[in-house]
Amino acid sequence: MPLTQFAIAKAGPKPKPYKLADGHGLNLLIRPSGSKLWRLRYRFNGRENMLALGAFPAVSLANARSKREEARAVLASGINPSVKRKLDKIAAATAARNTFGDVAAEHLANMEANGIAATTMNKNRWMLEKLCAPIAKRPVADITPAEILDLLKKIEKRGRRDTATSLRGKIGGVFRYAIVTLRATIDPTLALKGSLLKPKVFHRPAITDEKQLGVLMLSIDDYDGWPTLRAALQLIALTMSRPGELRGMKRSEIDFDKAIWRIPAERMKMRRPHDVPLSRQAMKIIEDVWPLSEYGELVLPSIRSWCRPLSENAMNSALRRMGYAQNEMTAHGFRSSASTILNERGFNPDVIEAALAHVDGDEIRRVYNRAKYFAERTKLMQDWADLLDNFRKQSVRHRRAV
């Protein structure tokens, strides 16, 4: 006879455990302590099994019957309900370990193993660990686009549009890794395309007037500071390289026979190797400072140690000492100076872009351009070096006329 709520409430403890049956294997075990526990007895492959369904009253009579029917449905499909429960617990525990933070940590470890530069790794860790702390403990497969958008919008409202946009891409990388490792099925960041405000573009200060640039080059030539710092300022103007790439220049990267500086992928912004043709003027500067670095591998070592490059702010500080304010010129601004002047003078824009190591979005075209434009880049770099010399001469004549 099926159990009733009244019968369950009335059943009290006895010296020995006893059961109240409800039918189809469901019974209520009443212990001497007074606890009442639901049990389901069933047979699988000819052997009797028992499945615990919880304690009364936390699990009501109706809930116990519902669990019994679910177990019977599993049994009818040829699966042992006890085994299924164990597998479900394992799956739940695994899902709990597959949090966004866990997957992000694996993703970061893979990036590091692939040789990503230390500065890039630090930035990625900061974004995926600190900025993503609110979703770190969430199962990666359960995170919704709305959660990510809320996270990004809070960053955006603090005026950090660039960071919000960049973080969306970093989070997308974690989800793509989760997908290929079978811990997620979709990348929720794809739904957020166009949902963030566009980053504000801040152009780095640069001198684009030819006479003024000539005056600057003369000031650099007359700079009486550390020789490698003066050489760095001269070379960054001649090579159109980024400050970080130049500061890390190694002796092993210079090919004197071919007049080429071969920058490895790990020091390039886009993580692709880049060969810089060296003009006669650039080669002369490198030859002049070469003896200063014979005890180390860096061409432009710091004044404090042969093993350390010039500091990140060394070139900008030198420009300030020459009288150039932060809003007038920066070390990175020499790239803009070269690009603007060369484009205005009618040089091939594609060759200029290749010299600046700007990446073409088309993979095939990028490889093609690297091969096609090297000869043109070699000529361009020499033409640019000669133009800088002419700018110096024009500035000298202007000074005399004044």
Protein backbone atom coordinates (compact mmCIF):
# COMPACT_ATOMS: atom_id res chain seq x y z
CA MET A 1 0.00 0.00 0.00
CA PRO A 2 1.49 3.40 -0.95
CA LEU A 3 2.77 5.62 1.80
CA THR A 4 0.98 8.75 2.94
CA GLN A 5 2.31 11.92 4.48
CA PHE A 6 0.42 11.10 7.68
CA ALA A 7 1.98 7.63 7.93
CA ILE A 8 5.48 9.03 7.46
CA ALA A 9 4.97 11.73 10.10
CA LYS A 10 3.51 9.19 12.54
CA ALA A 11 6.35 6.66 12.12
CA GLY A 12 8.67 6.92 15.11
CA PRO A 13 12.04 5.34 15.96
CA LYS A 14 12.32 1.77 17.24
CA PRO A 15 15.19 -0.15 18.84
CA LYS A 16 16.09 -1.55 15.42
CA PRO A 17 15.93 0.03 11.94
CA TYR A 18 12.76 -0.71 9.97
CA LYS A 19 11.28 0.21 6.57
CA LEU A 20 8.03 1.60 5.24
CA ALA A 21 7.41 0.55 1.61
CA ASP A 22 5.85 2.82 -1.04
CA GLY A 23 5.96 0.47 -4.00
CA HIS A 24 8.22 -0.21 -7.02
CA GLY A 25 11.24 -0.57 -4.74
CA LEU A 26 10.90 2.76 -2.92
CA ASN A 27 11.00 2.59 0.86
CA LEU A 28 11.67 4.81 3.84
CA LEU A 29 14.32 3.53 6.25
CA ILE A 30 13.70 4.70 9.84
CA ARG A 31 16.70 4.42 12.13
CA PRO A 32 16.77 4.22 15.95
CA SER A 33 18.12 7.79 15.95
CA GLY A 34 14.89 8.97 14.36
CA SER A 35 16.34 9.83 10.94
CA LYS A 36 14.21 8.86 7.95
CA LEU A 37 16.09 7.99 4.74
CA TRP A 38 14.69 7.25 1.29
CA ARG A 39 16.06 4.13 -0.40
CA LEU A 40 15.33 2.62 -3.80
CA ARG A 41 15.89 -1.08 -4.32
CA TYR A 42 16.17 -2.39 -7.89
CA ARG A 43 17.76 -5.20 -9.87
CA PHE A 44 20.29 -4.72 -12.66
CA ASN A 45 21.76 -7.63 -14.61
CA GLY A 46 20.20 -10.02 -12.11
CA ARG A 47 21.80 -8.38 -9.07
CA GLU A 48 20.09 -6.29 -6.41
CA ASN A 49 21.24 -2.65 -6.05
CA MET A 50 20.34 0.17 -3.71
CA LEU A 51 20.16 3.89 -4.50
CA ALA A 52 20.00 6.53 -1.73
CA LEU A 53 17.51 9.30 -2.58
CA GLY A 54 17.99 11.63 0.39
CA ALA A 55 16.48 12.24 3.84
CA PHE A 56 12.93 13.12 4.81
CA PRO A 57 11.66 15.86 5.14
CA ALA A 58 14.35 17.55 2.97
CA VAL A 59 13.20 15.16 0.26
CA SER A 60 9.43 14.98 0.40
CA LEU A 61 7.31 11.98 -0.52
CA ALA A 62 6.49 13.54 -3.88
CA ASN A 63 10.17 14.26 -4.58
CA ALA A 64 11.19 10.73 -3.62
CA ARG A 65 8.60 9.28 -6.01
CA SER A 66 9.81 11.59 -8.78
CA LYS A 67 13.39 10.41 -8.24
CA ARG A 68 12.19 6.81 -8.30
CA GLU A 69 10.54 7.32 -11.68
CA GLU A 70 13.67 8.99 -13.06
CA ALA A 71 15.77 6.03 -11.89
CA ARG A 72 13.31 3.56 -13.42
CA ALA A 73 13.51 5.43 -16.74
CA VAL A 74 17.31 5.21 -16.65
CA LEU A 75 17.05 1.51 -15.80
CA ALA A 76 14.66 0.95 -18.72
CA SER A 77 17.29 2.38 -21.08
CA GLY A 78 19.76 -0.28 -19.97
CA ILE A 79 21.85 1.90 -17.67
CA ASN A 80 22.54 1.28 -14.01
CA PRO A 81 21.16 4.32 -12.07
CA SER A 82 23.94 4.02 -9.45
CA VAL A 83 26.62 4.12 -12.13
CA LYS A 84 24.92 7.05 -13.84
CA ARG A 85 24.87 8.98 -10.56
CA LYS A 86 28.61 8.39 -10.07
CA LEU A 87 29.32 9.54 -13.63
CA ASP A 88 27.15 12.62 -13.14
CA LYS A 89 29.07 13.49 -9.97
CA ILE A 90 32.38 13.11 -11.79
CA ALA A 91 31.10 15.30 -14.64
CA ALA A 92 29.92 17.94 -12.16
CA ALA A 93 33.26 17.90 -10.34
CA THR A 94 35.12 18.16 -13.65
CA ALA A 95 32.92 21.06 -14.72
CA ALA A 96 33.65 22.79 -11.41
CA ARG A 97 37.38 22.49 -12.16
CA ASN A 98 36.87 23.82 -15.69
CA THR A 99 36.40 27.38 -14.56
CA PHE A 100 37.36 30.35 -16.68
CA GLY A 101 40.36 30.85 -14.42
CA ASP A 102 41.54 27.24 -14.94
CA VAL A 103 41.22 27.42 -18.72
CA ALA A 104 42.85 30.87 -18.82
CA ALA A 105 45.82 29.52 -16.83
CA GLU A 106 46.30 26.69 -19.34
CA HIS A 107 45.97 29.13 -22.24
CA LEU A 108 48.63 31.41 -20.71
CA ALA A 109 50.95 28.44 -20.11
CA ASN A 110 50.64 27.48 -23.79
CA MET A 111 51.41 31.04 -24.88
CA GLU A 112 54.53 31.08 -22.72
CA ALA A 113 55.65 27.68 -24.05
CA ASN A 114 55.25 29.04 -27.58
CA GLY A 115 57.83 31.74 -26.84
CA ILE A 116 55.61 34.79 -26.46
CA ALA A 117 57.65 37.80 -25.30
CA ALA A 118 57.79 38.46 -21.55
CA THR A 119 56.18 41.91 -21.84
CA THR A 120 53.28 40.47 -23.82
CA MET A 121 52.89 37.64 -21.31
CA ASN A 122 52.76 40.10 -18.42
CA LYS A 123 50.05 42.11 -20.14
CA ASN A 124 48.00 38.99 -20.92
CA ARG A 125 48.31 37.73 -17.33
CA TRP A 126 47.21 41.10 -15.97
CA MET A 127 44.16 41.11 -18.22
CA LEU A 128 43.10 37.47 -17.84
CA GLU A 129 43.84 37.19 -14.13
CA LYS A 130 43.19 40.59 -12.59
CA LEU A 131 40.59 42.12 -14.92
CA CYS A 132 38.74 38.82 -15.34
CA ALA A 133 38.63 38.07 -11.60
CA PRO A 134 34.78 38.44 -11.50
CA ILE A 135 34.35 35.44 -13.84
CA ALA A 136 37.43 33.45 -12.79
CA LYS A 137 35.48 30.88 -10.73
CA ARG A 138 32.59 30.52 -13.17
CA PRO A 139 32.40 27.26 -15.20
CA VAL A 140 33.67 28.33 -18.60
CA ALA A 141 30.79 26.63 -20.44
CA ASP A 142 28.20 28.54 -18.39
CA ILE A 143 29.49 32.06 -19.02
CA THR A 144 27.10 34.14 -21.13
CA PRO A 145 27.71 37.08 -23.49
CA ALA A 146 25.81 39.28 -21.02
CA GLU A 147 28.31 38.51 -18.24
CA ILE A 148 31.27 39.39 -20.42
CA LEU A 149 29.60 42.55 -21.71
CA ASP A 150 28.93 43.69 -18.14
CA LEU A 151 32.61 43.13 -17.30
CA LEU A 152 33.82 45.03 -20.37
CA LYS A 153 31.36 47.92 -19.97
CA LYS A 154 32.57 48.55 -16.41
CA ILE A 155 36.12 48.92 -17.76
CA GLU A 156 34.90 51.05 -20.64
CA LYS A 157 33.03 53.42 -18.29
CA ARG A 158 36.32 54.12 -16.50
CA GLY A 159 37.58 55.66 -19.74
CA ARG A 160 39.64 52.62 -20.77
CA ARG A 161 38.17 51.88 -24.17
CA ASP A 162 41.41 50.40 -25.53
CA THR A 163 41.63 48.02 -22.58
CA ALA A 164 38.00 46.91 -22.94
CA THR A 165 38.44 46.20 -26.66
CA SER A 166 41.70 44.36 -26.11
CA LEU A 167 40.26 42.34 -23.23
CA ARG A 168 37.38 41.15 -25.41
CA GLY A 169 39.95 39.63 -27.76
CA LYS A 170 41.93 38.05 -24.91
CA ILE A 171 38.77 36.48 -23.45
CA GLY A 172 37.88 35.20 -26.91
CA GLY A 173 41.27 33.48 -27.05
CA VAL A 174 40.49 31.64 -23.81
CA PHE A 175 37.13 30.48 -25.15
CA ARG A 176 38.64 29.28 -28.42
CA TYR A 177 41.08 27.22 -26.36
CA ALA A 178 38.19 25.91 -24.24
CA ILE A 179 36.36 24.86 -27.42
CA VAL A 180 39.28 22.88 -28.88
CA THR A 181 39.83 21.18 -25.49
CA LEU A 182 36.13 20.20 -25.38
CA ARG A 183 35.20 22.33 -22.38
CA ALA A 184 32.99 24.80 -24.21
CA THR A 185 30.98 24.78 -27.42
CA ILE A 186 30.72 28.48 -28.26
CA ASP A 187 32.74 31.68 -27.95
CA PRO A 188 30.36 34.20 -26.33
CA THR A 189 32.60 37.13 -27.29
CA LEU A 190 31.52 36.73 -30.93
CA ALA A 191 28.07 38.02 -30.00
CA LEU A 192 29.64 41.21 -28.62
CA LYS A 193 30.95 42.48 -31.94
CA GLY A 194 30.10 46.17 -32.23
CA SER A 195 28.89 46.41 -28.63
CA LEU A 196 31.86 48.42 -27.33
CA LEU A 197 32.73 52.04 -28.00
CA LYS A 198 35.57 52.54 -30.46
CA PRO A 199 38.94 53.27 -28.81
CA LYS A 200 40.08 56.87 -28.96
CA VAL A 201 43.08 57.27 -31.24
CA PHE A 202 45.98 59.20 -29.73
CA HIS A 203 48.67 60.02 -32.26
CA ARG A 204 52.20 60.05 -30.88
CA PRO A 205 53.88 63.46 -31.14
CA ALA A 206 56.22 63.68 -34.11
CA ILE A 207 58.10 66.33 -36.06
CA THR A 208 57.05 66.20 -39.70
CA ASP A 209 58.54 69.50 -40.90
CA GLU A 210 61.76 68.77 -42.78
CA LYS A 211 63.72 71.79 -41.48
CA GLN A 212 62.65 71.16 -37.89
CA LEU A 213 63.60 67.51 -38.23
CA GLY A 214 67.00 68.61 -39.52
CA VAL A 215 67.44 70.78 -36.42
CA LEU A 216 66.55 67.81 -34.24
CA MET A 217 69.07 65.56 -36.00
CA LEU A 218 71.79 68.18 -35.46
CA SER A 219 70.86 68.33 -31.78
CA ILE A 220 71.17 64.56 -31.55
CA ASP A 221 74.57 64.65 -33.27
CA ASP A 222 75.74 67.22 -30.70
CA TYR A 223 74.28 65.34 -27.71
CA ASP A 224 77.06 64.82 -25.17
CA GLY A 225 75.42 62.05 -23.14
CA TRP A 226 76.19 58.35 -23.10
CA PRO A 227 77.48 57.34 -26.61
CA THR A 228 75.09 54.40 -27.03
CA LEU A 229 72.15 56.68 -26.23
CA ARG A 230 73.18 59.17 -28.91
CA ALA A 231 73.67 56.25 -31.33
CA ALA A 232 70.22 54.88 -30.42
CA LEU A 233 68.54 58.18 -31.30
CA GLN A 234 70.43 58.35 -34.59
CA LEU A 235 69.59 54.73 -35.44
CA ILE A 236 65.92 54.95 -34.54
CA ALA A 237 65.62 57.82 -37.01
CA LEU A 238 67.49 55.90 -39.71
CA THR A 239 65.88 52.45 -39.28
CA MET A 240 62.22 53.42 -38.67
CA SER A 241 62.16 50.74 -35.95
CA ARG A 242 60.21 50.75 -32.70
CA PRO A 243 62.05 51.77 -29.52
CA GLY A 244 61.74 48.32 -27.94
CA GLU A 245 63.10 46.62 -31.05
CA LEU A 246 66.08 48.97 -31.22
CA ARG A 247 66.96 48.81 -27.52
CA GLY A 248 67.19 45.03 -27.76
CA MET A 249 69.46 45.03 -30.83
CA LYS A 250 72.05 42.22 -30.46
CA ARG A 251 75.46 41.89 -32.05
CA SER A 252 74.44 38.50 -33.48
CA GLU A 253 71.60 40.18 -35.41
CA ILE A 254 73.89 42.43 -37.46
CA ASP A 255 75.07 41.08 -40.82
CA PHE A 256 77.95 43.39 -41.79
CA ASP A 257 78.52 41.72 -45.16
CA LYS A 258 74.93 42.26 -46.32
CA ALA A 259 74.26 45.39 -44.23
CA ILE A 260 71.14 43.88 -42.66
CA TRP A 261 69.75 43.94 -39.14
CA ARG A 262 67.73 40.74 -38.61
CA ILE A 263 65.16 41.24 -35.84
CA PRO A 264 63.78 37.93 -34.47
CA ALA A 265 60.04 37.37 -34.19
CA GLU A 266 59.93 37.47 -30.38
CA ARG A 267 60.97 41.16 -30.35
CA MET A 268 58.60 42.27 -33.09
CA LYS A 269 55.17 43.66 -32.23
CA MET A 270 53.43 41.29 -34.65
CA ARG A 271 55.66 38.32 -33.72
CA ARG A 272 57.11 37.94 -37.21
CA PRO A 273 60.82 38.26 -38.05
CA HIS A 274 61.77 41.49 -39.78
CA ASP A 275 64.92 42.30 -41.75
CA VAL A 276 66.02 45.96 -41.76
CA PRO A 277 68.31 47.08 -44.59
CA LEU A 278 71.01 49.30 -43.09
CA SER A 279 72.07 52.45 -44.90
CA ARG A 280 75.72 53.51 -45.09
CA GLN A 281 75.05 56.05 -42.34
CA ALA A 282 73.47 53.40 -40.08
CA MET A 283 76.37 51.01 -40.64
CA LYS A 284 78.86 53.76 -39.71
CA ILE A 285 77.06 54.44 -36.42
CA ILE A 286 76.96 50.72 -35.53
CA GLU A 287 80.67 50.36 -36.34
CA ASP A 288 81.48 53.36 -34.11
CA VAL A 289 79.68 51.95 -31.05
CA TRP A 290 80.63 48.32 -31.70
CA PRO A 291 83.70 48.39 -29.39
CA LEU A 292 81.53 49.67 -26.51
CA SER A 293 79.61 46.38 -26.40
CA GLU A 294 82.40 43.85 -26.93
CA TYR A 295 81.86 42.39 -23.44
CA GLY A 296 78.18 41.62 -24.00
CA GLU A 297 75.64 40.70 -26.66
CA LEU A 298 73.79 44.04 -26.83
CA VAL A 299 74.82 46.66 -29.38
CA LEU A 300 73.33 49.49 -27.30
CA PRO A 301 73.91 48.54 -23.64
CA SER A 302 72.91 50.62 -20.67
CA ILE A 303 75.41 52.89 -18.96
CA ARG A 304 74.95 50.82 -15.80
CA SER A 305 75.49 47.30 -17.19
CA TRP A 306 76.78 45.61 -20.35
CA CYS A 307 74.06 42.99 -19.90
CA ARG A 308 71.12 45.39 -19.80
CA PRO A 309 69.70 47.42 -22.70
CA LEU A 310 69.04 51.13 -22.53
CA SER A 311 66.03 51.82 -20.33
CA GLU A 312 62.63 52.19 -21.95
CA ASN A 313 62.51 55.92 -21.24
CA ALA A 314 66.16 56.74 -21.96
CA MET A 315 65.60 58.10 -25.47
CA ASN A 316 62.58 60.18 -24.46
CA SER A 317 64.50 61.62 -21.51
CA ALA A 318 67.34 62.61 -23.83
CA LEU A 319 64.87 64.39 -26.12
CA ARG A 320 63.53 66.32 -23.11
CA ARG A 321 67.08 67.40 -22.18
CA MET A 322 67.49 68.69 -25.73
CA GLY A 323 64.46 70.90 -25.18
CA TYR A 324 61.76 68.84 -26.92
CA ALA A 325 58.59 68.59 -24.83
CA GLN A 326 56.54 65.42 -24.54
CA ASN A 327 53.89 66.84 -26.87
CA GLU A 328 56.50 67.72 -29.51
CA MET A 329 58.53 64.57 -30.10
CA THR A 330 58.98 61.04 -28.77
CA ALA A 331 61.28 58.16 -29.68
CA HIS A 332 58.37 56.39 -31.34
CA GLY A 333 57.57 59.58 -33.24
CA PHE A 334 60.53 59.08 -35.61
CA ARG A 335 58.44 56.42 -37.36
CA SER A 336 55.67 58.93 -37.99
CA SER A 337 58.22 61.50 -39.15
CA ALA A 338 59.60 59.08 -41.74
CA SER A 339 56.19 57.86 -42.87
CA THR A 340 54.72 61.36 -43.28
CA ILE A 341 57.69 62.90 -45.09
CA LEU A 342 58.31 59.93 -47.39
CA ASN A 343 54.63 59.73 -48.35
CA GLU A 344 54.52 63.47 -49.01
CA ARG A 345 57.57 63.15 -51.26
CA GLY A 346 55.84 60.48 -53.36
CA PHE A 347 57.63 57.31 -52.29
CA ASN A 348 55.76 54.03 -52.79
CA PRO A 349 53.31 53.67 -49.84
CA ASP A 350 53.54 49.86 -49.91
CA VAL A 351 57.31 49.99 -49.57
CA ILE A 352 57.01 52.48 -46.70
CA GLU A 353 54.52 50.22 -44.91
CA ALA A 354 56.85 47.25 -45.38
CA ALA A 355 59.77 49.28 -43.98
CA LEU A 356 57.65 50.15 -40.93
CA ALA A 357 56.85 46.42 -40.46
CA HIS A 358 53.12 47.06 -40.65
CA VAL A 359 51.34 43.75 -41.22
CA ASP A 360 49.11 43.17 -44.23
CA GLY A 361 45.84 41.41 -43.35
CA ASP A 362 46.23 39.05 -46.31
CA GLU A 363 48.65 36.24 -45.38
CA ILE A 364 49.60 35.46 -48.99
CA ARG A 365 50.12 39.11 -49.85
CA ARG A 366 52.21 39.57 -46.71
CA VAL A 367 54.65 36.82 -47.69
CA TYR A 368 54.73 38.11 -51.27
CA ASN A 369 55.43 41.68 -50.17
CA ARG A 370 58.29 40.59 -47.93
CA ALA A 371 60.06 39.07 -50.93
CA LYS A 372 59.05 41.71 -53.48
CA TYR A 373 59.87 44.85 -51.53
CA PHE A 374 63.22 44.04 -49.95
CA ALA A 375 65.23 45.58 -52.80
CA GLU A 376 62.93 48.62 -52.81
CA ARG A 377 63.22 48.87 -49.04
CA THR A 378 67.00 48.81 -49.27
CA LYS A 379 66.89 51.76 -51.66
CA LEU A 380 64.26 53.52 -49.55
CA MET A 381 66.37 53.28 -46.38
CA GLN A 382 69.37 54.75 -48.15
CA ASP A 383 67.24 57.50 -49.67
CA TRP A 384 65.82 58.29 -46.22
CA ALA A 385 69.29 58.43 -44.67
CA ASP A 386 70.43 60.79 -47.42
CA LEU A 387 67.33 62.95 -46.91
CA LEU A 388 68.11 63.24 -43.18
CA ASP A 389 71.61 64.45 -44.10
CA ASN A 390 70.07 67.01 -46.45
CA PHE A 391 67.71 68.18 -43.72
CA ARG A 392 70.74 68.76 -41.50
CA LYS A 393 72.43 70.84 -44.22
CA GLN A 394 69.28 72.90 -44.81
CA SER A 395 69.07 73.64 -41.12
CA VAL A 396 72.71 74.71 -40.99
CA ARG A 397 72.19 77.07 -43.95
CA HIS A 398 69.04 78.42 -42.31
CA ARG A 399 70.94 79.09 -39.10
CA ARG A 400 73.68 80.97 -41.00
CA ALA A 401 71.12 83.03 -42.92
CA VAL A 402 69.45 84.02 -39.67
